[in-house]
PDB file of N, CA and C in Angstrom:
ATOM      1  N   MET A   1      43.688  54.588-102.565  1.00  0.00           N
ATOM      2  CA  MET A   1      43.691  54.713-101.126  1.00  0.00           C
ATOM      3  C   MET A   1      44.720  55.739-100.668  1.00  0.00           C
ATOM      4  N   GLU A   2      45.875  55.770-101.331  1.00  0.00           N
ATOM      5  CA  GLU A   2      46.914  56.733-100.941  1.00  0.00           C
ATOM      6  C   GLU A   2      46.431  58.170-101.058  1.00  0.00           C
ATOM      7  N   ARG A   3      45.699  58.495-102.138  1.00  0.00           N
ATOM      8  CA  ARG A   3      45.163  59.861-102.303  1.00  0.00           C
ATOM      9  C   ARG A   3      44.152  60.183-101.207  1.00  0.00           C
ATOM     10  N   ALA A   4      43.305  59.221-100.871  1.00  0.00           N
ATOM     11  CA  ALA A   4      42.296  59.446 -99.832  1.00  0.00           C
ATOM     12  C   ALA A   4      42.952  59.693 -98.472  1.00  0.00           C
ATOM     13  N   VAL A   5      43.947  58.906 -98.129  1.00  0.00           N
ATOM     14  CA  VAL A   5      44.620  59.049 -96.843  1.00  0.00           C
ATOM     15  C   VAL A   5      45.382  60.374 -96.763  1.00  0.00           C
ATOM     16  N   ALA A   6      45.916  60.841 -97.878  1.00  0.00           N
ATOM     17  CA  ALA A   6      46.688  62.087 -97.902  1.00  0.00           C
ATOM     18  C   ALA A   6      45.824  63.331 -98.119  1.00  0.00           C
ATOM     19  N   ALA A   7      44.530  63.166 -98.351  1.00  0.00           N
ATOM     20  CA  ALA A   7      43.633  64.306 -98.607  1.00  0.00           C
ATOM     21  C   ALA A   7      43.585  65.238 -97.395  1.00  0.00           C
ATOM     22  N   PRO A   8      43.254  66.517 -97.623  1.00  0.00           N
ATOM     23  CA  PRO A   8      43.163  67.466 -96.502  1.00  0.00           C
ATOM     24  C   PRO A   8      42.146  66.998 -95.461  1.00  0.00           C
ATOM     25  N   LEU A   9      42.517  67.120 -94.196  1.00  0.00           N
ATOM     26  CA  LEU A   9      41.624  66.772 -93.102  1.00  0.00           C
ATOM     27  C   LEU A   9      40.814  67.987 -92.674  1.00  0.00           C
ATOM     28  N   PHE A  10      39.612  67.736 -92.169  1.00  0.00           N
ATOM     29  CA  PHE A  10      38.772  68.817 -91.656  1.00  0.00           C
ATOM     30  C   PHE A  10      38.022  68.318 -90.433  1.00  0.00           C
ATOM     31  N   HIS A  11      37.527  69.258 -89.634  1.00  0.00           N
ATOM     32  CA  HIS A  11      36.778  68.905 -88.425  1.00  0.00           C
ATOM     33  C   HIS A  11      35.637  69.892 -88.249  1.00  0.00           C
ATOM     34  N   HIS A  12      34.448  69.363 -88.001  1.00  0.00           N
ATOM     35  CA  HIS A  12      33.278  70.182 -87.686  1.00  0.00           C
ATOM     36  C   HIS A  12      32.788  69.762 -86.315  1.00  0.00           C
ATOM     37  N   GLN A  13      32.743  70.702 -85.367  1.00  0.00           N
ATOM     38  CA  GLN A  13      32.327  70.377 -84.000  1.00  0.00           C
ATOM     39  C   GLN A  13      30.811  70.429 -83.877  1.00  0.00           C
ATOM     40  N   TRP A  14      30.199  69.363 -83.383  1.00  0.00           N
ATOM     41  CA  TRP A  14      28.767  69.320 -83.141  1.00  0.00           C
ATOM     42  C   TRP A  14      28.507  69.876 -81.753  1.00  0.00           C
ATOM     43  N   PRO A  15      27.473  70.572 -81.453  1.00  0.00           N
ATOM     44  CA  PRO A  15      26.302  70.879 -82.274  1.00  0.00           C
ATOM     45  C   PRO A  15      26.471  72.199 -83.005  1.00  0.00           C
ATOM     46  N   PRO A  16      25.625  72.440 -84.016  1.00  0.00           N
ATOM     47  CA  PRO A  16      25.667  73.724 -84.722  1.00  0.00           C
ATOM     48  C   PRO A  16      25.380  74.883 -83.770  1.00  0.00           C
ATOM     49  N   GLY A  17      25.852  76.044 -84.146  1.00  0.00           N
ATOM     50  CA  GLY A  17      25.716  77.235 -83.308  1.00  0.00           C
ATOM     51  C   GLY A  17      27.021  77.464 -82.570  1.00  0.00           C
ATOM     52  N   GLY A  18      27.444  78.695 -82.486  1.00  0.00           N
ATOM     53  CA  GLY A  18      28.723  78.983 -81.819  1.00  0.00           C
ATOM     54  C   GLY A  18      29.859  78.319 -82.557  1.00  0.00           C
ATOM     55  N   GLU A  19      30.628  77.485 -81.857  1.00  0.00           N
ATOM     56  CA  GLU A  19      31.763  76.775 -82.481  1.00  0.00           C
ATOM     57  C   GLU A  19      31.301  75.857 -83.609  1.00  0.00           C
ATOM     58  N   GLY A  20      30.018  75.432 -83.594  1.00  0.00           N
ATOM     59  CA  GLY A  20      29.506  74.525 -84.600  1.00  0.00           C
ATOM     60  C   GLY A  20      29.377  75.126 -85.981  1.00  0.00           C
ATOM     61  N   ASP A  21      29.536  76.453 -86.061  1.00  0.00           N
ATOM     62  CA  ASP A  21      29.470  77.108 -87.365  1.00  0.00           C
ATOM     63  C   ASP A  21      30.849  77.239 -88.003  1.00  0.00           C
ATOM     64  N   VAL A  22      31.855  76.655 -87.374  1.00  0.00           N
ATOM     65  CA  VAL A  22      33.230  76.735 -87.866  1.00  0.00           C
ATOM     66  C   VAL A  22      33.682  75.354 -88.322  1.00  0.00           C
ATOM     67  N   ILE A  23      34.292  75.301 -89.488  1.00  0.00           N
ATOM     68  CA  ILE A  23      34.924  74.076 -89.970  1.00  0.00           C
ATOM     69  C   ILE A  23      36.422  74.327 -89.965  1.00  0.00           C
ATOM     70  N   TRP A  24      37.130  73.532 -89.168  1.00  0.00           N
ATOM     71  CA  TRP A  24      38.579  73.646 -89.095  1.00  0.00           C
ATOM     72  C   TRP A  24      39.188  72.797 -90.200  1.00  0.00           C
ATOM     73  N   VAL A  25      40.130  73.380 -90.936  1.00  0.00           N
ATOM     74  CA  VAL A  25      40.818  72.655 -92.008  1.00  0.00           C
ATOM     75  C   VAL A  25      42.317  72.803 -91.830  1.00  0.00           C
ATOM     76  N   GLU A  26      43.053  71.780 -92.258  1.00  0.00           N
ATOM     77  CA  GLU A  26      44.503  71.879 -92.150  1.00  0.00           C
ATOM     78  C   GLU A  26      45.101  72.608 -93.350  1.00  0.00           C
ATOM     79  N   ARG A  27      44.427  72.495 -94.475  1.00  0.00           N
ATOM     80  CA  ARG A  27      44.811  73.247 -95.676  1.00  0.00           C
ATOM     81  C   ARG A  27      43.568  73.341 -96.544  1.00  0.00           C
ATOM     82  N   SER A  28      43.642  74.054 -97.614  1.00  0.00           N
ATOM     83  CA  SER A  28      42.466  74.333 -98.437  1.00  0.00           C
ATOM     84  C   SER A  28      41.726  73.071 -98.869  1.00  0.00           C
ATOM     85  N   LEU A  29      40.400  73.149 -98.811  1.00  0.00           N
ATOM     86  CA  LEU A  29      39.555  72.081 -99.356  1.00  0.00           C
ATOM     87  C   LEU A  29      39.241  72.341-100.823  1.00  0.00           C
ATOM     88  N   GLY A  30      39.738  73.446-101.349  1.00  0.00           N
ATOM     89  CA  GLY A  30      39.469  73.857-102.724  1.00  0.00           C
ATOM     90  C   GLY A  30      38.504  75.037-102.726  1.00  0.00           C
ATOM     91  N   ASP A  31      38.697  75.936-103.665  1.00  0.00           N
ATOM     92  CA  ASP A  31      37.892  77.153-103.721  1.00  0.00           C
ATOM     93  C   ASP A  31      36.397  76.872-103.810  1.00  0.00           C
ATOM     94  N   GLU A  32      36.010  75.932-104.666  1.00  0.00           N
ATOM     95  CA  GLU A  32      34.590  75.635-104.867  1.00  0.00           C
ATOM     96  C   GLU A  32      33.952  75.061-103.598  1.00  0.00           C
ATOM     97  N   ALA A  33      34.623  74.116-102.964  1.00  0.00           N
ATOM     98  CA  ALA A  33      34.087  73.505-101.739  1.00  0.00           C
ATOM     99  C   ALA A  33      33.985  74.536-100.624  1.00  0.00           C
ATOM    100  N   GLU A  34      35.017  75.348-100.458  1.00  0.00           N
ATOM    101  CA  GLU A  34      34.990  76.339 -99.390  1.00  0.00           C
ATOM    102  C   GLU A  34      33.950  77.422 -99.658  1.00  0.00           C
ATOM    103  N   ALA A  35      33.776  77.825-100.904  1.00  0.00           N
ATOM    104  CA  ALA A  35      32.743  78.818-101.238  1.00  0.00           C
ATOM    105  C   ALA A  35      31.353  78.249-100.939  1.00  0.00           C
ATOM    106  N   GLY A  36      31.130  76.989-101.251  1.00  0.00           N
ATOM    107  CA  GLY A  36      29.851  76.349-100.967  1.00  0.00           C
ATOM    108  C   GLY A  36      29.571  76.286 -99.476  1.00  0.00           C
ATOM    109  N   LEU A  37      30.583  75.958 -98.683  1.00  0.00           N
ATOM    110  CA  LEU A  37      30.414  75.903 -97.227  1.00  0.00           C
ATOM    111  C   LEU A  37      30.126  77.288 -96.656  1.00  0.00           C
ATOM    112  N   ARG A  38      30.837  78.303 -97.159  1.00  0.00           N
ATOM    113  CA  ARG A  38      30.579  79.678 -96.696  1.00  0.00           C
ATOM    114  C   ARG A  38      29.166  80.118 -97.067  1.00  0.00           C
ATOM    115  N   ALA A  39      28.697  79.724 -98.255  1.00  0.00           N
ATOM    116  CA  ALA A  39      27.339  80.069 -98.682  1.00  0.00           C
ATOM    117  C   ALA A  39      26.295  79.441 -97.752  1.00  0.00           C
ATOM    118  N   MET A  40      26.626  78.322 -97.104  1.00  0.00           N
ATOM    119  CA  MET A  40      25.717  77.681 -96.149  1.00  0.00           C
ATOM    120  C   MET A  40      25.859  78.264 -94.745  1.00  0.00           C
ATOM    121  N   GLY A  41      26.743  79.259 -94.585  1.00  0.00           N
ATOM    122  CA  GLY A  41      26.879  79.934 -93.297  1.00  0.00           C
ATOM    123  C   GLY A  41      28.045  79.487 -92.437  1.00  0.00           C
ATOM    124  N   TYR A  42      28.895  78.622 -92.955  1.00  0.00           N
ATOM    125  CA  TYR A  42      30.040  78.156 -92.175  1.00  0.00           C
ATOM    126  C   TYR A  42      31.228  79.097 -92.339  1.00  0.00           C
ATOM    127  N   GLU A  43      32.040  79.182 -91.297  1.00  0.00           N
ATOM    128  CA  GLU A  43      33.330  79.850 -91.374  1.00  0.00           C
ATOM    129  C   GLU A  43      34.383  78.763 -91.591  1.00  0.00           C
ATOM    130  N   ILE A  44      35.416  79.093 -92.334  1.00  0.00           N
ATOM    131  CA  ILE A  44      36.527  78.165 -92.556  1.00  0.00           C
ATOM    132  C   ILE A  44      37.718  78.708 -91.775  1.00  0.00           C
ATOM    133  N   GLU A  45      38.294  77.886 -90.936  1.00  0.00           N
ATOM    134  CA  GLU A  45      39.428  78.311 -90.117  1.00  0.00           C
ATOM    135  C   GLU A  45      40.584  77.339 -90.287  1.00  0.00           C
ATOM    136  N   ARG A  46      41.755  77.861 -90.660  1.00  0.00           N
ATOM    137  CA  ARG A  46      42.947  77.031 -90.808  1.00  0.00           C
ATOM    138  C   ARG A  46      43.490  76.692 -89.425  1.00  0.00           C
ATOM    139  N   ARG A  47      43.795  75.426 -89.185  1.00  0.00           N
ATOM    140  CA  ARG A  47      44.283  74.985 -87.885  1.00  0.00           C
ATOM    141  C   ARG A  47      45.588  74.211 -87.977  1.00  0.00           C
ATOM    142  N   GLY A  48      46.143  74.044 -89.150  1.00  0.00           N
ATOM    143  CA  GLY A  48      47.347  73.224 -89.260  1.00  0.00           C
ATOM    144  C   GLY A  48      46.992  71.752 -89.161  1.00  0.00           C
ATOM    145  N   ALA A  49      47.948  70.930 -88.788  1.00  0.00           N
ATOM    146  CA  ALA A  49      47.746  69.481 -88.745  1.00  0.00           C
ATOM    147  C   ALA A  49      46.616  69.109 -87.786  1.00  0.00           C
ATOM    148  N   LEU A  50      45.711  68.264 -88.245  1.00  0.00           N
ATOM    149  CA  LEU A  50      44.581  67.813 -87.437  1.00  0.00           C
ATOM    150  C   LEU A  50      44.691  66.334 -87.070  1.00  0.00           C
ATOM    151  N   GLY A  51      45.784  65.715 -87.374  1.00  0.00           N
ATOM    152  CA  GLY A  51      45.953  64.297 -87.071  1.00  0.00           C
ATOM    153  C   GLY A  51      46.545  63.554 -88.246  1.00  0.00           C
ATOM    154  N   ASP A  52      46.546  62.245 -88.152  1.00  0.00           N
ATOM    155  CA  ASP A  52      46.977  61.435 -89.280  1.00  0.00           C
ATOM    156  C   ASP A  52      46.222  60.113 -89.261  1.00  0.00           C
ATOM    157  N   ILE A  53      46.270  59.414 -90.375  1.00  0.00           N
ATOM    158  CA  ILE A  53      45.458  58.223 -90.599  1.00  0.00           C
ATOM    159  C   ILE A  53      46.350  57.071 -91.040  1.00  0.00           C
ATOM    160  N   GLN A  54      46.032  55.894 -90.563  1.00  0.00           N
ATOM    161  CA  GLN A  54      46.626  54.665 -91.091  1.00  0.00           C
ATOM    162  C   GLN A  54      45.448  53.838 -91.599  1.00  0.00           C
ATOM    163  N   ALA A  55      45.574  53.242 -92.761  1.00  0.00           N
ATOM    164  CA  ALA A  55      44.457  52.503 -93.353  1.00  0.00           C
ATOM    165  C   ALA A  55      44.948  51.202 -93.973  1.00  0.00           C
ATOM    166  N   ILE A  56      44.017  50.290 -94.126  1.00  0.00           N
ATOM    167  CA  ILE A  56      44.316  49.034 -94.813  1.00  0.00           C
ATOM    168  C   ILE A  56      43.259  48.830 -95.887  1.00  0.00           C
ATOM    169  N   GLU A  57      43.714  48.756 -97.122  1.00  0.00           N
ATOM    170  CA  GLU A  57      42.821  48.468 -98.248  1.00  0.00           C
ATOM    171  C   GLU A  57      42.751  46.960 -98.422  1.00  0.00           C
ATOM    172  N   LEU A  58      41.531  46.445 -98.482  1.00  0.00           N
ATOM    173  CA  LEU A  58      41.357  45.004 -98.701  1.00  0.00           C
ATOM    174  C   LEU A  58      41.186  44.767-100.192  1.00  0.00           C
ATOM    175  N   SER A  59      42.155  44.092-100.791  1.00  0.00           N
ATOM    176  CA  SER A  59      42.118  43.826-102.222  1.00  0.00           C
ATOM    177  C   SER A  59      42.096  42.311-102.445  1.00  0.00           C
ATOM    178  N   PRO A  60      41.735  41.867-103.644  1.00  0.00           N
ATOM    179  CA  PRO A  60      41.728  40.425-103.932  1.00  0.00           C
ATOM    180  C   PRO A  60      43.097  39.768-103.718  1.00  0.00           C
ATOM    181  N   SER A  61      44.174  40.557-103.881  1.00  0.00           N
ATOM    182  CA  SER A  61      45.510  39.989-103.695  1.00  0.00           C
ATOM    183  C   SER A  61      45.998  40.067-102.248  1.00  0.00           C
ATOM    184  N   GLY A  62      45.175  40.608-101.353  1.00  0.00           N
ATOM    185  CA  GLY A  62      45.544  40.688 -99.945  1.00  0.00           C
ATOM    186  C   GLY A  62      45.486  42.112 -99.426  1.00  0.00           C
ATOM    187  N   PRO A  63      45.715  42.310 -98.125  1.00  0.00           N
ATOM    188  CA  PRO A  63      45.653  43.640 -97.533  1.00  0.00           C
ATOM    189  C   PRO A  63      46.813  44.520 -97.992  1.00  0.00           C
ATOM    190  N   ILE A  64      46.488  45.808 -98.225  1.00  0.00           N
ATOM    191  CA  ILE A  64      47.499  46.781 -98.641  1.00  0.00           C
ATOM    192  C   ILE A  64      47.496  47.911 -97.612  1.00  0.00           C
ATOM    193  N   PRO A  65      48.563  48.031 -96.784  1.00  0.00           N
ATOM    194  CA  PRO A  65      48.612  49.108 -95.798  1.00  0.00           C
ATOM    195  C   PRO A  65      48.985  50.440 -96.452  1.00  0.00           C
ATOM    196  N   VAL A  66      48.365  51.508 -95.954  1.00  0.00           N
ATOM    197  CA  VAL A  66      48.654  52.856 -96.450  1.00  0.00           C
ATOM    198  C   VAL A  66      48.875  53.749 -95.233  1.00  0.00           C
ATOM    199  N   SER A  67      49.984  54.468 -95.214  1.00  0.00           N
ATOM    200  CA  SER A  67      50.327  55.334 -94.098  1.00  0.00           C
ATOM    201  C   SER A  67      50.220  56.797 -94.512  1.00  0.00           C
ATOM    202  N   ASP A  68      49.696  57.612 -93.626  1.00  0.00           N
ATOM    203  CA  ASP A  68      49.506  59.041 -93.872  1.00  0.00           C
ATOM    204  C   ASP A  68      50.864  59.736 -93.963  1.00  0.00           C
ATOM    205  N   PRO A  69      51.102  60.506 -95.030  1.00  0.00           N
ATOM    206  CA  PRO A  69      52.398  61.203 -95.157  1.00  0.00           C
ATOM    207  C   PRO A  69      52.584  62.311 -94.128  1.00  0.00           C
ATOM    208  N   ARG A  70      51.511  62.749 -93.432  1.00  0.00           N
ATOM    209  CA  ARG A  70      51.613  63.808 -92.435  1.00  0.00           C
ATOM    210  C   ARG A  70      52.156  63.320 -91.098  1.00  0.00           C
ATOM    211  N   GLY A  71      51.991  62.030 -90.826  1.00  0.00           N
ATOM    212  CA  GLY A  71      52.254  61.533 -89.475  1.00  0.00           C
ATOM    213  C   GLY A  71      53.490  60.684 -89.366  1.00  0.00           C
ATOM    214  N   ILE A  72      53.612  60.085 -88.195  1.00  0.00           N
ATOM    215  CA  ILE A  72      54.780  59.251 -87.920  1.00  0.00           C
ATOM    216  C   ILE A  72      54.395  57.775 -87.840  1.00  0.00           C
ATOM    217  N   GLY A  73      53.096  57.478 -88.024  1.00  0.00           N
ATOM    218  CA  GLY A  73      52.634  56.105 -87.957  1.00  0.00           C
ATOM    219  C   GLY A  73      53.044  55.295 -89.175  1.00  0.00           C
ATOM    220  N   VAL A  74      52.812  54.001 -89.072  1.00  0.00           N
ATOM    221  CA  VAL A  74      53.123  53.084 -90.158  1.00  0.00           C
ATOM    222  C   VAL A  74      51.930  52.149 -90.347  1.00  0.00           C
ATOM    223  N   GLY A  75      51.467  52.010 -91.589  1.00  0.00           N
ATOM    224  CA  GLY A  75      50.411  51.056 -91.876  1.00  0.00           C
ATOM    225  C   GLY A  75      51.015  49.664 -92.031  1.00  0.00           C
ATOM    226  N   LEU A  76      50.504  48.692 -91.294  1.00  0.00           N
ATOM    227  CA  LEU A  76      51.008  47.315 -91.371  1.00  0.00           C
ATOM    228  C   LEU A  76      49.856  46.354 -91.593  1.00  0.00           C
ATOM    229  N   ALA A  77      50.093  45.344 -92.373  1.00  0.00           N
ATOM    230  CA  ALA A  77      49.119  44.273 -92.571  1.00  0.00           C
ATOM    231  C   ALA A  77      49.878  42.968 -92.697  1.00  0.00           C
ATOM    232  N   GLU A  78      49.411  41.986 -91.972  1.00  0.00           N
ATOM    233  CA  GLU A  78      50.077  40.677 -92.029  1.00  0.00           C
ATOM    234  C   GLU A  78      49.121  39.626 -92.531  1.00  0.00           C
TER     235      GLU A  78
END
């Protein structure tokens, strides 16, 4: 869960056409992923921080909170 929460964020604005052909990323999604998106006609635009995530993983031993290292939030589970 920690890797998923810390993964690069991206945003695609609906509908396609105009701004819809741009995918905003905070950092690289990886050369292969970005090349594939460009091959489909998308532009990749770096935008810096796009937000942060707080998550709770439900495990057999109980809830496990995970906080995004980019943000100031805190994951809590009671």
